[in-house]
C-alpha atoms as a PDB file:
ATOM      1  CA  UNK A   1       3.386  26.520 -18.401  1.00  0.00           C
ATOM      2  CA  UNK A   2       4.843  28.560 -15.744  1.00  0.00           C
ATOM      3  CA  UNK A   3       8.316  27.317 -14.835  1.00  0.00           C
ATOM      4  CA  UNK A   4       9.139  26.162 -18.204  1.00  0.00           C
ATOM      5  CA  UNK A   5      11.522  28.587 -20.356  1.00  0.00           C
ATOM      6  CA  UNK A   6      11.712  28.394 -24.122  1.00  0.00           C
ATOM      7  CA  UNK A   7      15.447  27.028 -25.153  1.00  0.00           C
ATOM      8  CA  UNK A   8      16.706  27.223 -28.704  1.00  0.00           C
ATOM      9  CA  UNK A   9      19.262  24.973 -30.379  1.00  0.00           C
ATOM     10  CA  UNK A  10      22.513  25.277 -28.797  1.00  0.00           C
ATOM     11  CA  UNK A  11      23.009  27.633 -25.989  1.00  0.00           C
ATOM     12  CA  UNK A  12      25.457  27.362 -23.146  1.00  0.00           C
ATOM     13  CA  UNK A  13      26.151  24.688 -20.731  1.00  0.00           C
ATOM     14  CA  UNK A  14      23.953  25.898 -17.997  1.00  0.00           C
ATOM     15  CA  UNK A  15      21.069  26.273 -20.628  1.00  0.00           C
ATOM     16  CA  UNK A  16      21.542  22.776 -21.992  1.00  0.00           C
ATOM     17  CA  UNK A  17      21.471  21.624 -18.057  1.00  0.00           C
ATOM     18  CA  UNK A  18      18.347  23.483 -17.598  1.00  0.00           C
ATOM     19  CA  UNK A  19      16.848  22.411 -20.431  1.00  0.00           C
ATOM     20  CA  UNK A  20      17.624  18.718 -19.517  1.00  0.00           C
ATOM     21  CA  UNK A  21      16.252  19.272 -16.006  1.00  0.00           C
ATOM     22  CA  UNK A  22      13.004  20.358 -17.624  1.00  0.00           C
ATOM     23  CA  UNK A  23      12.829  17.245 -19.946  1.00  0.00           C
ATOM     24  CA  UNK A  24      13.190  15.273 -16.945  1.00  0.00           C
ATOM     25  CA  UNK A  25      10.526  16.927 -15.067  1.00  0.00           C
ATOM     26  CA  UNK A  26       8.146  16.438 -17.872  1.00  0.00           C
ATOM     27  CA  UNK A  27       9.043  12.868 -18.129  1.00  0.00           C
ATOM     28  CA  UNK A  28       8.464  12.591 -14.361  1.00  0.00           C
ATOM     29  CA  UNK A  29       5.114  14.307 -14.853  1.00  0.00           C
ATOM     30  CA  UNK A  30       4.001  12.167 -17.824  1.00  0.00           C
ATOM     31  CA  UNK A  31       4.731   8.865 -15.904  1.00  0.00           C
ATOM     32  CA  UNK A  32       2.955  10.389 -12.676  1.00  0.00           C
ATOM     33  CA  UNK A  33      -0.169  11.328 -14.676  1.00  0.00           C
ATOM     34  CA  UNK A  34      -0.001   7.567 -16.212  1.00  0.00           C
ATOM     35  CA  UNK A  35      -0.167   6.024 -12.689  1.00  0.00           C
ATOM     36  CA  UNK A  36      -3.021   7.518 -11.405  1.00  0.00           C
ATOM     37  CA  UNK A  37      -4.806   7.101 -14.715  1.00  0.00           C
ATOM     38  CA  UNK A  38      -3.950   3.591 -14.852  1.00  0.00           C
ATOM     39  CA  UNK A  39      -4.815   3.035 -11.436  1.00  0.00           C
ATOM     40  CA  UNK A  40      -8.088   4.564 -11.830  1.00  0.00           C
ATOM     41  CA  UNK A  41      -9.065   2.392 -14.801  1.00  0.00           C
ATOM     42  CA  UNK A  42      -8.125  -0.789 -13.001  1.00  0.00           C
ATOM     43  CA  UNK A  43     -10.339   0.187 -10.192  1.00  0.00           C
ATOM     44  CA  UNK A  44     -13.099   0.983 -12.366  1.00  0.00           C
ATOM     45  CA  UNK A  45     -12.871  -2.137 -14.164  1.00  0.00           C
ATOM     46  CA  UNK A  46     -12.883  -4.141 -10.974  1.00  0.00           C
ATOM     47  CA  UNK A  47     -16.004  -2.535  -9.761  1.00  0.00           C
ATOM     48  CA  UNK A  48     -17.595  -3.596 -13.101  1.00  0.00           C
ATOM     49  CA  UNK A  49     -16.502  -6.920 -13.209  1.00  0.00           C
ATOM     50  CA  UNK A  50     -19.383  -9.184 -12.316  1.00  0.00           C
ATOM     51  CA  UNK A  51     -17.036 -12.266 -12.468  1.00  0.00           C
ATOM     52  CA  UNK A  52     -14.842 -10.690  -9.506  1.00  0.00           C
ATOM     53  CA  UNK A  53     -16.064 -11.077  -6.099  1.00  0.00           C
ATOM     54  CA  UNK A  54     -15.216  -8.021  -4.094  1.00  0.00           C
ATOM     55  CA  UNK A  55     -15.707  -7.992  -0.200  1.00  0.00           C
ATOM     56  CA  UNK A  56     -17.055  -4.852   1.677  1.00  0.00           C
ATOM     57  CA  UNK A  57     -13.472  -4.190   2.850  1.00  0.00           C
ATOM     58  CA  UNK A  58     -12.296  -4.472  -0.759  1.00  0.00           C
ATOM     59  CA  UNK A  59     -14.867  -1.951  -2.144  1.00  0.00           C
ATOM     60  CA  UNK A  60     -14.213   0.444   0.487  1.00  0.00           C
ATOM     61  CA  UNK A  61     -10.562   0.207   0.018  1.00  0.00           C
ATOM     62  CA  UNK A  62     -11.012   0.673  -3.860  1.00  0.00           C
ATOM     63  CA  UNK A  63     -13.147   3.670  -3.280  1.00  0.00           C
ATOM     64  CA  UNK A  64     -10.557   5.407  -0.966  1.00  0.00           C
ATOM     65  CA  UNK A  65      -7.764   4.508  -3.294  1.00  0.00           C
ATOM     66  CA  UNK A  66      -9.982   6.157  -6.352  1.00  0.00           C
ATOM     67  CA  UNK A  67     -10.429   9.317  -4.237  1.00  0.00           C
ATOM     68  CA  UNK A  68      -6.879   9.350  -3.239  1.00  0.00           C
ATOM     69  CA  UNK A  69      -5.725   8.941  -6.997  1.00  0.00           C
ATOM     70  CA  UNK A  70      -8.247  11.860  -8.019  1.00  0.00           C
ATOM     71  CA  UNK A  71      -6.544  14.356  -5.420  1.00  0.00           C
ATOM     72  CA  UNK A  72      -3.274  13.118  -6.334  1.00  0.00           C
ATOM     73  CA  UNK A  73      -4.061  14.035 -10.100  1.00  0.00           C
ATOM     74  CA  UNK A  74      -5.120  17.505  -8.851  1.00  0.00           C
ATOM     75  CA  UNK A  75      -2.050  18.021  -7.154  1.00  0.00           C
ATOM     76  CA  UNK A  76      -0.061  17.031 -10.143  1.00  0.00           C
ATOM     77  CA  UNK A  77      -1.975  19.382 -12.354  1.00  0.00           C
ATOM     78  CA  UNK A  78      -1.276  22.089  -9.406  1.00  0.00           C
ATOM     79  CA  UNK A  79       2.608  21.396  -9.584  1.00  0.00           C
ATOM     80  CA  UNK A  80       2.702  21.389 -13.361  1.00  0.00           C
ATOM     81  CA  UNK A  81       1.026  24.973 -13.483  1.00  0.00           C
ATOM     82  CA  UNK A  82       3.268  26.003 -10.698  1.00  0.00           C
ATOM     83  CA  UNK A  83       6.447  24.549 -12.341  1.00  0.00           C
ATOM     84  CA  UNK A  84       7.270  22.763  -8.944  1.00  0.00           C
ATOM     85  CA  UNK A  85       7.788  19.368 -10.265  1.00  0.00           C
ATOM     86  CA  UNK A  86       6.320  16.193  -9.387  1.00  0.00           C
ATOM     87  CA  UNK A  87       8.820  15.422  -6.809  1.00  0.00           C
ATOM     88  CA  UNK A  88       8.640  18.439  -5.220  1.00  0.00           C
ATOM     89  CA  UNK A  89       8.226  18.118  -1.255  1.00  0.00           C
ATOM     90  CA  UNK A  90       4.951  19.813  -0.035  1.00  0.00           C
ATOM     91  CA  UNK A  91       5.164  23.085   1.928  1.00  0.00           C
ATOM     92  CA  UNK A  92       3.305  21.849   4.915  1.00  0.00           C
ATOM     93  CA  UNK A  93       4.143  18.472   6.281  1.00  0.00           C
ATOM     94  CA  UNK A  94       1.943  15.655   4.928  1.00  0.00           C
ATOM     95  CA  UNK A  95      -0.500  13.919   7.524  1.00  0.00           C
ATOM     96  CA  UNK A  96       0.784  10.862   9.060  1.00  0.00           C
ATOM     97  CA  UNK A  97      -1.727   7.877   8.959  1.00  0.00           C
ATOM     98  CA  UNK A  98      -1.317   4.223  10.027  1.00  0.00           C
ATOM     99  CA  UNK A  99       0.131   2.288   7.416  1.00  0.00           C
ATOM    100  CA  UNK A 100      -2.320  -0.477   7.226  1.00  0.00           C
ATOM    101  CA  UNK A 101      -4.769   1.803   5.493  1.00  0.00           C
ATOM    102  CA  UNK A 102      -2.398   2.489   2.634  1.00  0.00           C
ATOM    103  CA  UNK A 103      -1.722  -1.335   2.508  1.00  0.00           C
ATOM    104  CA  UNK A 104      -5.278  -1.978   1.877  1.00  0.00           C
ATOM    105  CA  UNK A 105      -5.686   0.550  -0.846  1.00  0.00           C
ATOM    106  CA  UNK A 106      -2.579  -0.535  -2.577  1.00  0.00           C
ATOM    107  CA  UNK A 107      -3.479  -4.122  -2.415  1.00  0.00           C
ATOM    108  CA  UNK A 108      -7.157  -3.678  -3.738  1.00  0.00           C
ATOM    109  CA  UNK A 109      -5.190  -3.040  -7.269  1.00  0.00           C
ATOM    110  CA  UNK A 110      -4.432  -6.875  -7.065  1.00  0.00           C
ATOM    111  CA  UNK A 111      -7.351  -9.372  -7.969  1.00  0.00           C
ATOM    112  CA  UNK A 112      -7.889 -11.129  -4.543  1.00  0.00           C
ATOM    113  CA  UNK A 113      -7.088 -14.651  -6.005  1.00  0.00           C
ATOM    114  CA  UNK A 114      -3.489 -13.236  -6.839  1.00  0.00           C
ATOM    115  CA  UNK A 115      -3.351 -11.219  -3.735  1.00  0.00           C
ATOM    116  CA  UNK A 116      -0.915 -12.010  -0.579  1.00  0.00           C
ATOM    117  CA  UNK A 117      -0.871  -9.196   2.077  1.00  0.00           C
ATOM    118  CA  UNK A 118       0.463  -9.052   5.560  1.00  0.00           C
ATOM    119  CA  UNK A 119       1.952  -6.865   8.140  1.00  0.00           C
ATOM    120  CA  UNK A 120       3.026  -7.259  11.600  1.00  0.00           C
ATOM    121  CA  UNK A 121       0.737  -5.433  14.166  1.00  0.00           C
ATOM    122  CA  UNK A 122       3.472  -3.030  14.942  1.00  0.00           C
ATOM    123  CA  UNK A 123       4.152  -1.881  10.890  1.00  0.00           C
ATOM    124  CA  UNK A 124       0.123  -1.807  10.521  1.00  0.00           C
ATOM    125  CA  UNK A 125      -0.284   0.921  13.327  1.00  0.00           C
ATOM    126  CA  UNK A 126       2.918   2.740  12.410  1.00  0.00           C
ATOM    127  CA  UNK A 127       2.272   6.314  11.200  1.00  0.00           C
ATOM    128  CA  UNK A 128       3.686   7.124   7.659  1.00  0.00           C
ATOM    129  CA  UNK A 129       3.413  10.242   5.445  1.00  0.00           C
ATOM    130  CA  UNK A 130       0.017   9.423   3.367  1.00  0.00           C
ATOM    131  CA  UNK A 131       0.778  10.738   0.135  1.00  0.00           C
ATOM    132  CA  UNK A 132       4.303   9.702  -0.445  1.00  0.00           C
ATOM    133  CA  UNK A 133       3.631   5.990   0.844  1.00  0.00           C
ATOM    134  CA  UNK A 134       0.785   5.760  -1.030  1.00  0.00           C
ATOM    135  CA  UNK A 135       2.662   6.809  -4.435  1.00  0.00           C
ATOM    136  CA  UNK A 136       5.715   4.466  -3.430  1.00  0.00           C
ATOM    137  CA  UNK A 137       3.427   1.537  -2.993  1.00  0.00           C
ATOM    138  CA  UNK A 138       1.111   2.013  -5.971  1.00  0.00           C
ATOM    139  CA  UNK A 139       4.221   2.433  -8.241  1.00  0.00           C
ATOM    140  CA  UNK A 140       5.470  -0.576  -6.922  1.00  0.00           C
ATOM    141  CA  UNK A 141       2.486  -2.708  -7.276  1.00  0.00           C
ATOM    142  CA  UNK A 142       1.671  -1.450 -10.673  1.00  0.00           C
ATOM    143  CA  UNK A 143       5.226  -2.360 -11.567  1.00  0.00           C
ATOM    144  CA  UNK A 144       4.602  -6.111 -10.183  1.00  0.00           C
ATOM    145  CA  UNK A 145       1.519  -6.278 -12.146  1.00  0.00           C
ATOM    146  CA  UNK A 146       2.957  -4.935 -15.526  1.00  0.00           C
ATOM    147  CA  UNK A 147       6.191  -7.173 -15.294  1.00  0.00           C
ATOM    148  CA  UNK A 148       5.311 -10.102 -13.419  1.00  0.00           C
ATOM    149  CA  UNK A 149       3.423 -13.062 -14.525  1.00  0.00           C
ATOM    150  CA  UNK A 150      -0.333 -12.552 -15.674  1.00  0.00           C
ATOM    151  CA  UNK A 151      -1.581 -15.227 -13.859  1.00  0.00           C
ATOM    152  CA  UNK A 152       1.007 -14.897 -10.818  1.00  0.00           C
ATOM    153  CA  UNK A 153       0.829 -13.821  -7.149  1.00  0.00           C
ATOM    154  CA  UNK A 154       1.663 -10.275  -5.908  1.00  0.00           C
ATOM    155  CA  UNK A 155       2.377  -9.741  -2.312  1.00  0.00           C
ATOM    156  CA  UNK A 156       2.552  -6.723   0.008  1.00  0.00           C
ATOM    157  CA  UNK A 157       4.413  -7.284   3.396  1.00  0.00           C
ATOM    158  CA  UNK A 158       5.193  -4.848   6.038  1.00  0.00           C
ATOM    159  CA  UNK A 159       7.328  -5.221   9.112  1.00  0.00           C
ATOM    160  CA  UNK A 160       9.274  -3.110  11.674  1.00  0.00           C
ATOM    161  CA  UNK A 161      12.733  -4.446  11.804  1.00  0.00           C
ATOM    162  CA  UNK A 162      15.210  -2.882  14.247  1.00  0.00           C
ATOM    163  CA  UNK A 163      15.476   0.869  13.245  1.00  0.00           C
ATOM    164  CA  UNK A 164      13.962   0.383   9.804  1.00  0.00           C
ATOM    165  CA  UNK A 165      10.326  -0.088   8.602  1.00  0.00           C
ATOM    166  CA  UNK A 166      10.627  -2.538   5.787  1.00  0.00           C
ATOM    167  CA  UNK A 167       7.774  -2.579   2.963  1.00  0.00           C
ATOM    168  CA  UNK A 168       8.006  -5.507   0.342  1.00  0.00           C
ATOM    169  CA  UNK A 169       6.423  -6.010  -2.950  1.00  0.00           C
ATOM    170  CA  UNK A 170       6.688  -9.209  -4.606  1.00  0.00           C
ATOM    171  CA  UNK A 171       5.913 -11.083  -8.094  1.00  0.00           C
ATOM    172  CA  UNK A 172       6.765 -14.047  -9.581  1.00  0.00           C
ATOM    173  CA  UNK A 173       8.884 -12.638 -12.343  1.00  0.00           C
ATOM    174  CA  UNK A 174      12.561 -12.364 -12.365  1.00  0.00           C
ATOM    175  CA  UNK A 175      15.445 -10.324 -11.429  1.00  0.00           C
ATOM    176  CA  UNK A 176      16.850  -9.121 -14.921  1.00  0.00           C
ATOM    177  CA  UNK A 177      19.420  -6.695 -16.075  1.00  0.00           C
ATOM    178  CA  UNK A 178      16.784  -4.047 -17.046  1.00  0.00           C
ATOM    179  CA  UNK A 179      15.419  -4.224 -13.464  1.00  0.00           C
ATOM    180  CA  UNK A 180      19.122  -3.996 -11.837  1.00  0.00           C
ATOM    181  CA  UNK A 181      20.185  -1.162 -14.383  1.00  0.00           C
ATOM    182  CA  UNK A 182      16.935   0.616 -13.180  1.00  0.00           C
ATOM    183  CA  UNK A 183      17.908   0.307  -9.503  1.00  0.00           C
ATOM    184  CA  UNK A 184      21.398   1.568 -10.123  1.00  0.00           C
ATOM    185  CA  UNK A 185      21.319   4.733 -12.412  1.00  0.00           C
ATOM    186  CA  UNK A 186      21.870   8.130 -10.834  1.00  0.00           C
ATOM    187  CA  UNK A 187      19.705   9.381 -13.594  1.00  0.00           C
ATOM    188  CA  UNK A 188      16.794   7.524 -15.577  1.00  0.00           C
ATOM    189  CA  UNK A 189      17.314   6.283 -18.993  1.00  0.00           C
ATOM    190  CA  UNK A 190      15.589   7.999 -22.204  1.00  0.00           C
ATOM    191  CA  UNK A 191      11.758   7.253 -22.709  1.00  0.00           C
ATOM    192  CA  UNK A 192       9.744   5.584 -19.747  1.00  0.00           C
ATOM    193  CA  UNK A 193      11.345   2.529 -18.921  1.00  0.00           C
ATOM    194  CA  UNK A 194      12.626   2.089 -15.225  1.00  0.00           C
ATOM    195  CA  UNK A 195      10.987   5.887 -14.795  1.00  0.00           C
ATOM    196  CA  UNK A 196       8.845   4.614 -12.123  1.00  0.00           C
ATOM    197  CA  UNK A 197      11.331   2.902  -9.769  1.00  0.00           C
ATOM    198  CA  UNK A 198      13.635   6.107 -10.246  1.00  0.00           C
ATOM    199  CA  UNK A 199      10.879   8.066  -8.920  1.00  0.00           C
ATOM    200  CA  UNK A 200      10.147   5.745  -6.063  1.00  0.00           C
ATOM    201  CA  UNK A 201      14.259   6.195  -5.238  1.00  0.00           C
ATOM    202  CA  UNK A 202      13.845   9.797  -5.182  1.00  0.00           C
ATOM    203  CA  UNK A 203      10.950   9.743  -2.870  1.00  0.00           C
ATOM    204  CA  UNK A 204      12.341   7.162  -0.551  1.00  0.00           C
ATOM    205  CA  UNK A 205      15.594   8.615  -0.320  1.00  0.00           C
ATOM    206  CA  UNK A 206      14.091  11.785   0.556  1.00  0.00           C
ATOM    207  CA  UNK A 207      12.777  10.110   3.632  1.00  0.00           C
ATOM    208  CA  UNK A 208      16.271   8.909   4.484  1.00  0.00           C
ATOM    209  CA  UNK A 209      15.415   5.288   3.258  1.00  0.00           C
ATOM    210  CA  UNK A 210      16.466   2.836   0.060  1.00  0.00           C
ATOM    211  CA  UNK A 211      15.009   0.791  -2.319  1.00  0.00           C
ATOM    212  CA  UNK A 212      16.599  -2.661  -2.467  1.00  0.00           C
ATOM    213  CA  UNK A 213      15.969  -5.690  -4.736  1.00  0.00           C
ATOM    214  CA  UNK A 214      15.955  -9.572  -3.724  1.00  0.00           C
ATOM    215  CA  UNK A 215      15.733 -12.668  -5.765  1.00  0.00           C
ATOM    216  CA  UNK A 216      13.210 -15.066  -4.390  1.00  0.00           C
ATOM    217  CA  UNK A 217      13.478 -18.948  -4.398  1.00  0.00           C
ATOM    218  CA  UNK A 218      12.294 -20.622  -5.891  1.00  0.00           C
ATOM    219  CA  UNK A 219      11.068 -17.951  -8.065  1.00  0.00           C
ATOM    220  CA  UNK A 220      10.053 -14.214  -8.017  1.00  0.00           C
ATOM    221  CA  UNK A 221      11.604 -10.804  -7.228  1.00  0.00           C
ATOM    222  CA  UNK A 222      11.227  -8.703  -4.262  1.00  0.00           C
ATOM    223  CA  UNK A 223      11.371  -4.916  -4.116  1.00  0.00           C
ATOM    224  CA  UNK A 224      11.856  -3.683  -0.454  1.00  0.00           C
ATOM    225  CA  UNK A 225      11.669  -0.116   0.905  1.00  0.00           C
ATOM    226  CA  UNK A 226      13.351   0.496   4.125  1.00  0.00           C
ATOM    227  CA  UNK A 227      12.491   3.617   5.865  1.00  0.00           C
ATOM    228  CA  UNK A 228      14.287   4.924   8.888  1.00  0.00           C
ATOM    229  CA  UNK A 229      12.236   4.582  12.215  1.00  0.00           C
ATOM    230  CA  UNK A 230      12.756   7.630  14.387  1.00  0.00           C
ATOM    231  CA  UNK A 231      11.671   6.250  18.128  1.00  0.00           C
ATOM    232  CA  UNK A 232      11.059   9.021  20.494  1.00  0.00           C
ATOM    233  CA  UNK A 233      12.134   8.533  24.264  1.00  0.00           C
ATOM    234  CA  UNK A 234       9.402   8.462  26.706  1.00  0.00           C
END
């Protein structure tokens, strides 16, 4: 693929650093391919499940998310062949869309009987970069479904809090050392473990935000994205 240089054994420190960067880019691409593929699998399974009642709004959200994930896969393939990487910022500014639509799409990944979703009026109308926000929320929801209890509740909440937009994804799992380690590492660990959260951190940081973890009582964990809100006078 373009952008990947063959490096033999040994080499200078610069060559080893380049090789490490390329290996990380490949791991990020593999993870980001896995997320839309697993998302599309979940969505098609939901549509085919005769025992899962879907409202018209659910079906519209599933259809929209499936389309967006297919577009995301095409973009990943384009980035891979161009050698730009899955985390590269687009040359053109992303379209801004109301957060409510992105929340509906991400919530559609969770079966209705396990889903809790709520947004304040201001947050629902707030314009966000469509692709990056969808990528962050889908990663966090997939993480909650993967690591929380199989029958546990998954929540998505959004609110404007002072100078920040707060996005919360909750599940009924627990805050364990592996989660804390994934949120602290400057570089991801080997393999795929914790890579999704590292990717989320990079995307959020590029927008001037941060990812935080909270213990919920009596049980549960919340991952919170805080993004700065730019308010224009006038």
